[in-house]
Amino acid sequence: MQVILNILSQSAIDQNATLLLICVLLLIPALPFLWRKVKMGKGPVLRPISAYAALQNVVSQSVETGYPVHVSVGVRGIGQQSTAQTLAGLILLEHLAQQTAEYDAAPLVSVADGTALVAAQDALRRASARQGQGKKLDPYRVRMIAPEPTAYASGVMGLLSREHVWANVMNGVFGDEYLLMGETAARKDIQQIAGSGNPQSLPFMMVSANHTLIGEEMFAAGAYLSGLASHIASLMLQDWMRTIIILVIVIGVVLSTVL
């Protein structure tokens, strides 16, 4: 009996994944249309998100004080189920690196995965190269701490305690171990901006961080920080998908109730 239930459950998951894939494929052709609409100045007005506004202040204050910003892209890497969250952290890192490269004040980055290490190093390298400072980049600015989440958190706790950092920016995949890092930064009165798509870590972020990116807000970094038409068009497409999914759910509930 349990085997049959498992098969039915897996079948339902596969059907949901198939329906989601169909929705994505049907809406992808709309992306160029939305891109042109944004380029023509007819894009949406993005609602304010305090974390992204605070990020601009953090960069300027870091440059003025000479103290770097510590950036974490989470405890996972690229090529896993959580790749999207890691990439969101890397997009935010690249923006910070770009903003500080002009003043030779690269952020201090910690990672917990080899793939994230390479990607983070490349983000810093590209930001320095744009300012003609590629040869000055210190590879030690990106540090591989440990692959195990708790061990990584312990390493970051030591880093925040020893290094003079102006702010702690953590955007990516985190679990319960985030509390160890967030509490350490809070005790040292370090400004914190944190974001994750994991519901387990969000309560800890809300308590310890000054600003929090909740769920899908962390994926909007490109649109809010760079203002590129492609990123804004992507947000509009996501809203369309969300609306369609809600309508399908409502129609399904109504039909199941009536019939």
C-alpha atoms as a PDB file:
ATOM      1  CA  MET A   1       0.000   0.000   0.000  1.00  0.00           C
ATOM      2  CA  GLN A   2       2.816   2.405   0.907  1.00  0.00           C
ATOM      3  CA  VAL A   3       4.521   1.677  -2.402  1.00  0.00           C
ATOM      4  CA  ILE A   4       1.326   2.571  -4.297  1.00  0.00           C
ATOM      5  CA  LEU A   5       0.999   5.835  -2.325  1.00  0.00           C
ATOM      6  CA  ASN A   6       4.611   6.707  -3.069  1.00  0.00           C
ATOM      7  CA  ILE A   7       4.063   6.083  -6.786  1.00  0.00           C
ATOM      8  CA  LEU A   8       0.926   8.231  -6.827  1.00  0.00           C
ATOM      9  CA  SER A   9       2.701  10.991  -4.903  1.00  0.00           C
ATOM     10  CA  GLN A  10       5.636  10.945  -7.312  1.00  0.00           C
ATOM     11  CA  SER A  11       3.212  10.979 -10.235  1.00  0.00           C
ATOM     12  CA  ALA A  12       1.519  14.092  -8.839  1.00  0.00           C
ATOM     13  CA  ILE A  13       4.894  15.808  -8.398  1.00  0.00           C
ATOM     14  CA  ASP A  14       5.857  14.948 -11.975  1.00  0.00           C
ATOM     15  CA  GLN A  15       2.539  16.318 -13.262  1.00  0.00           C
ATOM     16  CA  ASN A  16       3.016  19.583 -11.352  1.00  0.00           C
ATOM     17  CA  ALA A  17       6.544  19.924 -12.701  1.00  0.00           C
ATOM     18  CA  THR A  18       5.282  19.271 -16.230  1.00  0.00           C
ATOM     19  CA  LEU A  19       2.533  21.885 -15.913  1.00  0.00           C
ATOM     20  CA  LEU A  20       5.040  24.424 -14.572  1.00  0.00           C
ATOM     21  CA  LEU A  21       7.403  23.701 -17.457  1.00  0.00           C
ATOM     22  CA  ILE A  22       4.559  24.169 -19.963  1.00  0.00           C
ATOM     23  CA  CYS A  23       3.653  27.534 -18.395  1.00  0.00           C
ATOM     24  CA  VAL A  24       7.278  28.687 -18.598  1.00  0.00           C
ATOM     25  CA  LEU A  25       7.627  27.616 -22.237  1.00  0.00           C
ATOM     26  CA  LEU A  26       4.379  29.368 -23.188  1.00  0.00           C
ATOM     27  CA  LEU A  27       5.393  32.633 -21.520  1.00  0.00           C
ATOM     28  CA  ILE A  28       9.030  32.805 -22.669  1.00  0.00           C
ATOM     29  CA  PRO A  29       8.080  34.331 -26.074  1.00  0.00           C
ATOM     30  CA  ALA A  30       6.548  37.251 -24.151  1.00  0.00           C
ATOM     31  CA  LEU A  31       9.942  38.220 -22.710  1.00  0.00           C
ATOM     32  CA  PRO A  32      11.176  40.182 -25.793  1.00  0.00           C
ATOM     33  CA  PHE A  33       7.861  42.073 -25.857  1.00  0.00           C
ATOM     34  CA  LEU A  34       8.228  43.048 -22.198  1.00  0.00           C
ATOM     35  CA  TRP A  35      11.882  43.986 -22.763  1.00  0.00           C
ATOM     36  CA  ARG A  36      10.921  46.381 -25.563  1.00  0.00           C
ATOM     37  CA  LYS A  37       8.166  47.813 -23.382  1.00  0.00           C
ATOM     38  CA  VAL A  38      10.626  48.581 -20.581  1.00  0.00           C
ATOM     39  CA  LYS A  39      13.141  50.078 -23.036  1.00  0.00           C
ATOM     40  CA  MET A  40      10.395  52.432 -24.248  1.00  0.00           C
ATOM     41  CA  GLY A  41       9.896  53.669 -20.689  1.00  0.00           C
ATOM     42  CA  LYS A  42       6.626  51.834 -20.118  1.00  0.00           C
ATOM     43  CA  GLY A  43       7.901  49.501 -17.437  1.00  0.00           C
ATOM     44  CA  PRO A  44       6.392  49.084 -13.971  1.00  0.00           C
ATOM     45  CA  VAL A  45       7.192  51.188 -10.916  1.00  0.00           C
ATOM     46  CA  LEU A  46       9.154  48.919  -8.594  1.00  0.00           C
ATOM     47  CA  ARG A  47       7.975  48.980  -5.018  1.00  0.00           C
ATOM     48  CA  PRO A  48      10.673  50.134  -2.579  1.00  0.00           C
ATOM     49  CA  ILE A  49      12.666  47.415  -0.795  1.00  0.00           C
ATOM     50  CA  SER A  50      14.589  48.800   2.162  1.00  0.00           C
ATOM     51  CA  ALA A  51      17.399  46.238   1.912  1.00  0.00           C
ATOM     52  CA  TYR A  52      18.431  47.394  -1.568  1.00  0.00           C
ATOM     53  CA  ALA A  53      18.230  51.049  -0.572  1.00  0.00           C
ATOM     54  CA  ALA A  54      20.394  50.341   2.488  1.00  0.00           C
ATOM     55  CA  LEU A  55      22.908  48.490   0.326  1.00  0.00           C
ATOM     56  CA  GLN A  56      23.814  51.716  -1.461  1.00  0.00           C
ATOM     57  CA  ASN A  57      24.536  53.408   1.885  1.00  0.00           C
ATOM     58  CA  VAL A  58      26.599  50.443   3.022  1.00  0.00           C
ATOM     59  CA  VAL A  59      28.859  50.746  -0.026  1.00  0.00           C
ATOM     60  CA  SER A  60      29.499  54.463   0.463  1.00  0.00           C
ATOM     61  CA  GLN A  61      30.110  54.067   4.201  1.00  0.00           C
ATOM     62  CA  SER A  62      32.500  51.183   3.587  1.00  0.00           C
ATOM     63  CA  VAL A  63      34.531  53.267   1.149  1.00  0.00           C
ATOM     64  CA  GLU A  64      34.601  56.252   3.519  1.00  0.00           C
ATOM     65  CA  THR A  65      35.683  54.240   6.576  1.00  0.00           C
ATOM     66  CA  GLY A  66      38.072  51.944   4.741  1.00  0.00           C
ATOM     67  CA  TYR A  67      36.465  48.881   6.323  1.00  0.00           C
ATOM     68  CA  PRO A  68      35.321  46.188   3.854  1.00  0.00           C
ATOM     69  CA  VAL A  69      31.883  44.625   3.528  1.00  0.00           C
ATOM     70  CA  HIS A  70      31.704  40.903   4.282  1.00  0.00           C
ATOM     71  CA  VAL A  71      29.589  39.063   1.709  1.00  0.00           C
ATOM     72  CA  SER A  72      28.321  35.503   1.908  1.00  0.00           C
ATOM     73  CA  VAL A  73      26.526  33.757  -0.967  1.00  0.00           C
ATOM     74  CA  GLY A  74      25.237  30.949   1.246  1.00  0.00           C
ATOM     75  CA  VAL A  75      26.262  27.449   2.224  1.00  0.00           C
ATOM     76  CA  ARG A  76      25.570  25.832  -1.149  1.00  0.00           C
ATOM     77  CA  GLY A  77      27.065  26.055  -4.627  1.00  0.00           C
ATOM     78  CA  ILE A  78      26.121  25.933  -8.292  1.00  0.00           C
ATOM     79  CA  GLY A  79      24.676  22.836  -9.953  1.00  0.00           C
ATOM     80  CA  GLN A  80      22.351  21.909  -7.096  1.00  0.00           C
ATOM     81  CA  GLN A  81      18.659  22.403  -6.360  1.00  0.00           C
ATOM     82  CA  SER A  82      19.477  25.672  -4.635  1.00  0.00           C
ATOM     83  CA  THR A  83      21.473  27.105  -7.563  1.00  0.00           C
ATOM     84  CA  ALA A  84      19.021  29.991  -8.060  1.00  0.00           C
ATOM     85  CA  GLN A  85      19.567  31.272  -4.516  1.00  0.00           C
ATOM     86  CA  THR A  86      23.348  31.030  -4.880  1.00  0.00           C
ATOM     87  CA  LEU A  87      23.192  32.939  -8.174  1.00  0.00           C
ATOM     88  CA  ALA A  88      21.097  35.627  -6.460  1.00  0.00           C
ATOM     89  CA  GLY A  89      23.880  36.021  -3.919  1.00  0.00           C
ATOM     90  CA  LEU A  90      26.478  36.227  -6.697  1.00  0.00           C
ATOM     91  CA  ILE A  91      24.505  38.943  -8.510  1.00  0.00           C
ATOM     92  CA  LEU A  92      24.456  41.005  -5.332  1.00  0.00           C
ATOM     93  CA  LEU A  93      28.181  40.347  -4.828  1.00  0.00           C
ATOM     94  CA  GLU A  94      28.997  41.477  -8.360  1.00  0.00           C
ATOM     95  CA  HIS A  95      27.128  44.732  -7.798  1.00  0.00           C
ATOM     96  CA  LEU A  96      29.041  45.401  -4.575  1.00  0.00           C
ATOM     97  CA  ALA A  97      32.335  44.535  -6.250  1.00  0.00           C
ATOM     98  CA  GLN A  98      31.544  46.858  -9.145  1.00  0.00           C
ATOM     99  CA  GLN A  99      30.655  49.731  -6.819  1.00  0.00           C
ATOM    100  CA  THR A 100      33.794  49.373  -4.681  1.00  0.00           C
ATOM    101  CA  ALA A 101      36.324  48.460  -7.383  1.00  0.00           C
ATOM    102  CA  GLU A 102      36.818  52.099  -8.348  1.00  0.00           C
ATOM    103  CA  TYR A 103      38.086  52.824  -4.834  1.00  0.00           C
ATOM    104  CA  ASP A 104      40.150  49.639  -4.519  1.00  0.00           C
ATOM    105  CA  ALA A 105      37.928  48.469  -1.649  1.00  0.00           C
ATOM    106  CA  ALA A 106      36.843  44.999  -2.731  1.00  0.00           C
ATOM    107  CA  PRO A 107      34.442  43.159  -0.410  1.00  0.00           C
ATOM    108  CA  LEU A 108      35.593  40.281   1.766  1.00  0.00           C
ATOM    109  CA  VAL A 109      33.805  37.141   0.555  1.00  0.00           C
ATOM    110  CA  SER A 110      33.319  33.776   2.256  1.00  0.00           C
ATOM    111  CA  VAL A 111      31.935  30.656   0.574  1.00  0.00           C
ATOM    112  CA  ALA A 112      31.218  27.050   1.522  1.00  0.00           C
ATOM    113  CA  ASP A 113      31.445  25.361  -1.880  1.00  0.00           C
ATOM    114  CA  GLY A 114      34.115  25.053  -4.550  1.00  0.00           C
ATOM    115  CA  THR A 115      31.829  26.122  -7.394  1.00  0.00           C
ATOM    116  CA  ALA A 116      30.785  29.223  -5.453  1.00  0.00           C
ATOM    117  CA  LEU A 117      34.466  29.954  -4.815  1.00  0.00           C
ATOM    118  CA  VAL A 118      35.275  30.066  -8.539  1.00  0.00           C
ATOM    119  CA  ALA A 119      32.169  32.116  -9.349  1.00  0.00           C
ATOM    120  CA  ALA A 120      32.861  34.640  -6.577  1.00  0.00           C
ATOM    121  CA  GLN A 121      36.489  35.035  -7.662  1.00  0.00           C
ATOM    122  CA  ASP A 122      35.324  35.626 -11.226  1.00  0.00           C
ATOM    123  CA  ALA A 123      32.833  38.270 -10.062  1.00  0.00           C
ATOM    124  CA  LEU A 124      35.596  40.197  -8.282  1.00  0.00           C
ATOM    125  CA  ARG A 125      37.977  39.764 -11.217  1.00  0.00           C
ATOM    126  CA  ARG A 126      35.484  41.144 -13.733  1.00  0.00           C
ATOM    127  CA  ALA A 127      34.665  44.104 -11.493  1.00  0.00           C
ATOM    128  CA  SER A 128      38.377  44.935 -11.092  1.00  0.00           C
ATOM    129  CA  ALA A 129      39.047  44.462 -14.808  1.00  0.00           C
ATOM    130  CA  ARG A 130      36.351  47.019 -15.683  1.00  0.00           C
ATOM    131  CA  GLN A 131      38.264  49.559 -13.610  1.00  0.00           C
ATOM    132  CA  GLY A 132      41.610  48.514 -15.097  1.00  0.00           C
ATOM    133  CA  GLN A 133      42.749  47.025 -11.784  1.00  0.00           C
ATOM    134  CA  GLY A 134      42.634  43.316 -12.610  1.00  0.00           C
ATOM    135  CA  LYS A 135      46.265  42.741 -11.616  1.00  0.00           C
ATOM    136  CA  LYS A 136      45.725  44.328  -8.184  1.00  0.00           C
ATOM    137  CA  LEU A 137      43.030  41.852  -7.138  1.00  0.00           C
ATOM    138  CA  ASP A 138      43.959  39.939  -4.012  1.00  0.00           C
ATOM    139  CA  PRO A 139      42.736  36.309  -4.402  1.00  0.00           C
ATOM    140  CA  TYR A 140      42.536  36.055  -0.621  1.00  0.00           C
ATOM    141  CA  ARG A 141      39.499  38.365  -0.721  1.00  0.00           C
ATOM    142  CA  VAL A 142      37.445  35.230  -1.453  1.00  0.00           C
ATOM    143  CA  ARG A 143      37.842  32.577   1.234  1.00  0.00           C
ATOM    144  CA  MET A 144      36.682  28.993   1.184  1.00  0.00           C
ATOM    145  CA  ILE A 145      35.721  28.356   4.824  1.00  0.00           C
ATOM    146  CA  ALA A 146      34.248  24.832   5.044  1.00  0.00           C
ATOM    147  CA  PRO A 147      31.768  22.681   3.077  1.00  0.00           C
ATOM    148  CA  GLU A 148      29.690  21.730   6.130  1.00  0.00           C
ATOM    149  CA  PRO A 149      27.146  24.417   7.169  1.00  0.00           C
ATOM    150  CA  THR A 150      27.921  24.414  10.904  1.00  0.00           C
ATOM    151  CA  ALA A 151      31.654  24.448  10.297  1.00  0.00           C
ATOM    152  CA  TYR A 152      31.188  27.265   7.798  1.00  0.00           C
ATOM    153  CA  ALA A 153      29.179  29.254  10.343  1.00  0.00           C
ATOM    154  CA  SER A 154      31.947  28.759  12.927  1.00  0.00           C
ATOM    155  CA  GLY A 155      34.516  30.044  10.453  1.00  0.00           C
ATOM    156  CA  VAL A 156      32.423  33.113   9.604  1.00  0.00           C
ATOM    157  CA  MET A 157      31.955  33.804  13.320  1.00  0.00           C
ATOM    158  CA  GLY A 158      35.734  33.919  13.665  1.00  0.00           C
ATOM    159  CA  LEU A 159      36.062  36.107  10.585  1.00  0.00           C
ATOM    160  CA  LEU A 160      33.511  38.625  11.873  1.00  0.00           C
ATOM    161  CA  SER A 161      35.210  38.660  15.272  1.00  0.00           C
ATOM    162  CA  ARG A 162      38.757  39.150  13.957  1.00  0.00           C
ATOM    163  CA  GLU A 163      38.306  41.302  10.871  1.00  0.00           C
ATOM    164  CA  HIS A 164      37.216  44.937  10.937  1.00  0.00           C
ATOM    165  CA  VAL A 165      34.205  44.781   8.621  1.00  0.00           C
ATOM    166  CA  TRP A 166      31.702  47.582   8.200  1.00  0.00           C
ATOM    167  CA  ALA A 167      28.715  45.459   7.205  1.00  0.00           C
ATOM    168  CA  ASN A 168      27.653  41.831   6.879  1.00  0.00           C
ATOM    169  CA  VAL A 169      25.710  41.023   3.693  1.00  0.00           C
ATOM    170  CA  MET A 170      24.416  37.444   3.467  1.00  0.00           C
ATOM    171  CA  ASN A 171      22.234  36.435   0.541  1.00  0.00           C
ATOM    172  CA  GLY A 172      21.784  32.789  -0.449  1.00  0.00           C
ATOM    173  CA  VAL A 173      20.968  29.410   1.067  1.00  0.00           C
ATOM    174  CA  PHE A 174      21.103  29.316   4.860  1.00  0.00           C
ATOM    175  CA  GLY A 175      19.644  27.078   7.542  1.00  0.00           C
ATOM    176  CA  ASP A 176      19.624  27.203  11.330  1.00  0.00           C
ATOM    177  CA  GLU A 177      23.365  27.904  11.286  1.00  0.00           C
ATOM    178  CA  TYR A 178      22.634  31.467  10.207  1.00  0.00           C
ATOM    179  CA  LEU A 179      21.775  32.350  13.816  1.00  0.00           C
ATOM    180  CA  LEU A 180      25.401  31.753  14.855  1.00  0.00           C
ATOM    181  CA  MET A 181      26.675  34.242  12.272  1.00  0.00           C
ATOM    182  CA  GLY A 182      23.878  36.761  12.653  1.00  0.00           C
ATOM    183  CA  GLU A 183      24.191  36.858  16.426  1.00  0.00           C
ATOM    184  CA  THR A 184      27.953  37.383  16.210  1.00  0.00           C
ATOM    185  CA  ALA A 185      27.531  40.358  13.871  1.00  0.00           C
ATOM    186  CA  ALA A 186      24.736  41.778  16.049  1.00  0.00           C
ATOM    187  CA  ARG A 187      26.933  41.575  19.180  1.00  0.00           C
ATOM    188  CA  LYS A 188      29.668  43.519  17.374  1.00  0.00           C
ATOM    189  CA  ASP A 189      27.103  46.084  16.177  1.00  0.00           C
ATOM    190  CA  ILE A 190      27.820  45.316  12.511  1.00  0.00           C
ATOM    191  CA  GLN A 191      25.163  46.389  10.020  1.00  0.00           C
ATOM    192  CA  GLN A 192      23.484  43.385   8.445  1.00  0.00           C
ATOM    193  CA  ILE A 193      21.521  42.768   5.248  1.00  0.00           C
ATOM    194  CA  ALA A 194      20.333  39.181   4.890  1.00  0.00           C
ATOM    195  CA  GLY A 195      18.165  37.239   2.478  1.00  0.00           C
ATOM    196  CA  SER A 196      17.150  33.642   1.873  1.00  0.00           C
ATOM    197  CA  GLY A 197      14.404  31.523   0.397  1.00  0.00           C
ATOM    198  CA  ASN A 198      14.534  29.051   3.287  1.00  0.00           C
ATOM    199  CA  PRO A 199      11.668  29.596   5.786  1.00  0.00           C
ATOM    200  CA  GLN A 200      13.785  28.063   8.565  1.00  0.00           C
ATOM    201  CA  SER A 201      16.371  30.838   8.468  1.00  0.00           C
ATOM    202  CA  LEU A 202      14.080  33.812   7.836  1.00  0.00           C
ATOM    203  CA  PRO A 203      12.941  34.200  11.498  1.00  0.00           C
ATOM    204  CA  PHE A 204      16.591  34.382  12.592  1.00  0.00           C
ATOM    205  CA  MET A 205      17.280  36.992   9.909  1.00  0.00           C
ATOM    206  CA  MET A 206      14.289  39.079  10.941  1.00  0.00           C
ATOM    207  CA  VAL A 207      15.567  39.136  14.526  1.00  0.00           C
ATOM    208  CA  SER A 208      19.274  39.803  13.939  1.00  0.00           C
ATOM    209  CA  ALA A 209      19.540  41.684  10.593  1.00  0.00           C
ATOM    210  CA  ASN A 210      18.828  45.366  10.004  1.00  0.00           C
ATOM    211  CA  HIS A 211      17.227  44.619   6.640  1.00  0.00           C
ATOM    212  CA  THR A 212      15.866  41.340   5.294  1.00  0.00           C
ATOM    213  CA  LEU A 213      15.189  40.054   1.780  1.00  0.00           C
ATOM    214  CA  ILE A 214      12.287  37.637   2.073  1.00  0.00           C
ATOM    215  CA  GLY A 215      11.892  34.854  -0.473  1.00  0.00           C
ATOM    216  CA  GLU A 216      11.486  36.164  -4.016  1.00  0.00           C
ATOM    217  CA  GLU A 217      12.819  39.612  -3.079  1.00  0.00           C
ATOM    218  CA  MET A 218      16.335  38.202  -3.198  1.00  0.00           C
ATOM    219  CA  PHE A 219      15.865  37.273  -6.870  1.00  0.00           C
ATOM    220  CA  ALA A 220      15.054  40.887  -7.791  1.00  0.00           C
ATOM    221  CA  ALA A 221      18.591  42.130  -7.119  1.00  0.00           C
ATOM    222  CA  GLY A 222      19.394  42.604 -10.803  1.00  0.00           C
ATOM    223  CA  ALA A 223      16.314  44.756 -11.416  1.00  0.00           C
ATOM    224  CA  TYR A 224      16.735  46.915  -8.315  1.00  0.00           C
ATOM    225  CA  LEU A 225      20.511  47.352  -8.356  1.00  0.00           C
ATOM    226  CA  SER A 226      21.351  47.525 -12.058  1.00  0.00           C
ATOM    227  CA  GLY A 227      18.007  48.661 -13.478  1.00  0.00           C
ATOM    228  CA  LEU A 228      18.623  46.650 -16.645  1.00  0.00           C
ATOM    229  CA  ALA A 229      15.592  46.261 -18.918  1.00  0.00           C
ATOM    230  CA  SER A 230      16.116  42.504 -19.160  1.00  0.00           C
ATOM    231  CA  HIS A 231      15.915  42.084 -15.380  1.00  0.00           C
ATOM    232  CA  ILE A 232      12.822  44.279 -15.057  1.00  0.00           C
ATOM    233  CA  ALA A 233      11.153  42.401 -17.918  1.00  0.00           C
ATOM    234  CA  SER A 234      11.915  39.154 -16.111  1.00  0.00           C
ATOM    235  CA  LEU A 235      10.137  40.454 -13.004  1.00  0.00           C
ATOM    236  CA  MET A 236       7.097  41.364 -15.098  1.00  0.00           C
ATOM    237  CA  LEU A 237       7.076  37.870 -16.602  1.00  0.00           C
ATOM    238  CA  GLN A 238       7.182  36.355 -13.118  1.00  0.00           C
ATOM    239  CA  ASP A 239       4.151  38.440 -12.140  1.00  0.00           C
ATOM    240  CA  TRP A 240       2.308  37.137 -15.186  1.00  0.00           C
ATOM    241  CA  MET A 241       3.144  33.565 -14.240  1.00  0.00           C
ATOM    242  CA  ARG A 242       2.034  34.156 -10.663  1.00  0.00           C
ATOM    243  CA  THR A 243      -1.288  35.577 -11.838  1.00  0.00           C
ATOM    244  CA  ILE A 244      -1.894  32.628 -14.169  1.00  0.00           C
ATOM    245  CA  ILE A 245      -1.094  30.095 -11.452  1.00  0.00           C
ATOM    246  CA  ILE A 246      -3.461  31.822  -9.009  1.00  0.00           C
ATOM    247  CA  LEU A 247      -6.247  31.841 -11.601  1.00  0.00           C
ATOM    248  CA  VAL A 248      -5.706  28.145 -12.349  1.00  0.00           C
ATOM    249  CA  ILE A 249      -5.882  27.317  -8.634  1.00  0.00           C
ATOM    250  CA  VAL A 250      -9.075  29.366  -8.138  1.00  0.00           C
ATOM    251  CA  ILE A 251     -10.730  27.833 -11.197  1.00  0.00           C
ATOM    252  CA  GLY A 252      -9.713  24.352 -10.057  1.00  0.00           C
ATOM    253  CA  VAL A 253     -11.184  24.915  -6.594  1.00  0.00           C
ATOM    254  CA  VAL A 254     -14.440  26.270  -8.037  1.00  0.00           C
ATOM    255  CA  LEU A 255     -14.802  23.388 -10.479  1.00  0.00           C
ATOM    256  CA  SER A 256     -14.030  20.766  -7.839  1.00  0.00           C
ATOM    257  CA  THR A 257     -16.597  22.372  -5.524  1.00  0.00           C
ATOM    258  CA  VAL A 258     -19.352  22.670  -8.128  1.00  0.00           C
ATOM    259  CA  LEU A 259     -18.789  19.315  -9.795  1.00  0.00           C
END
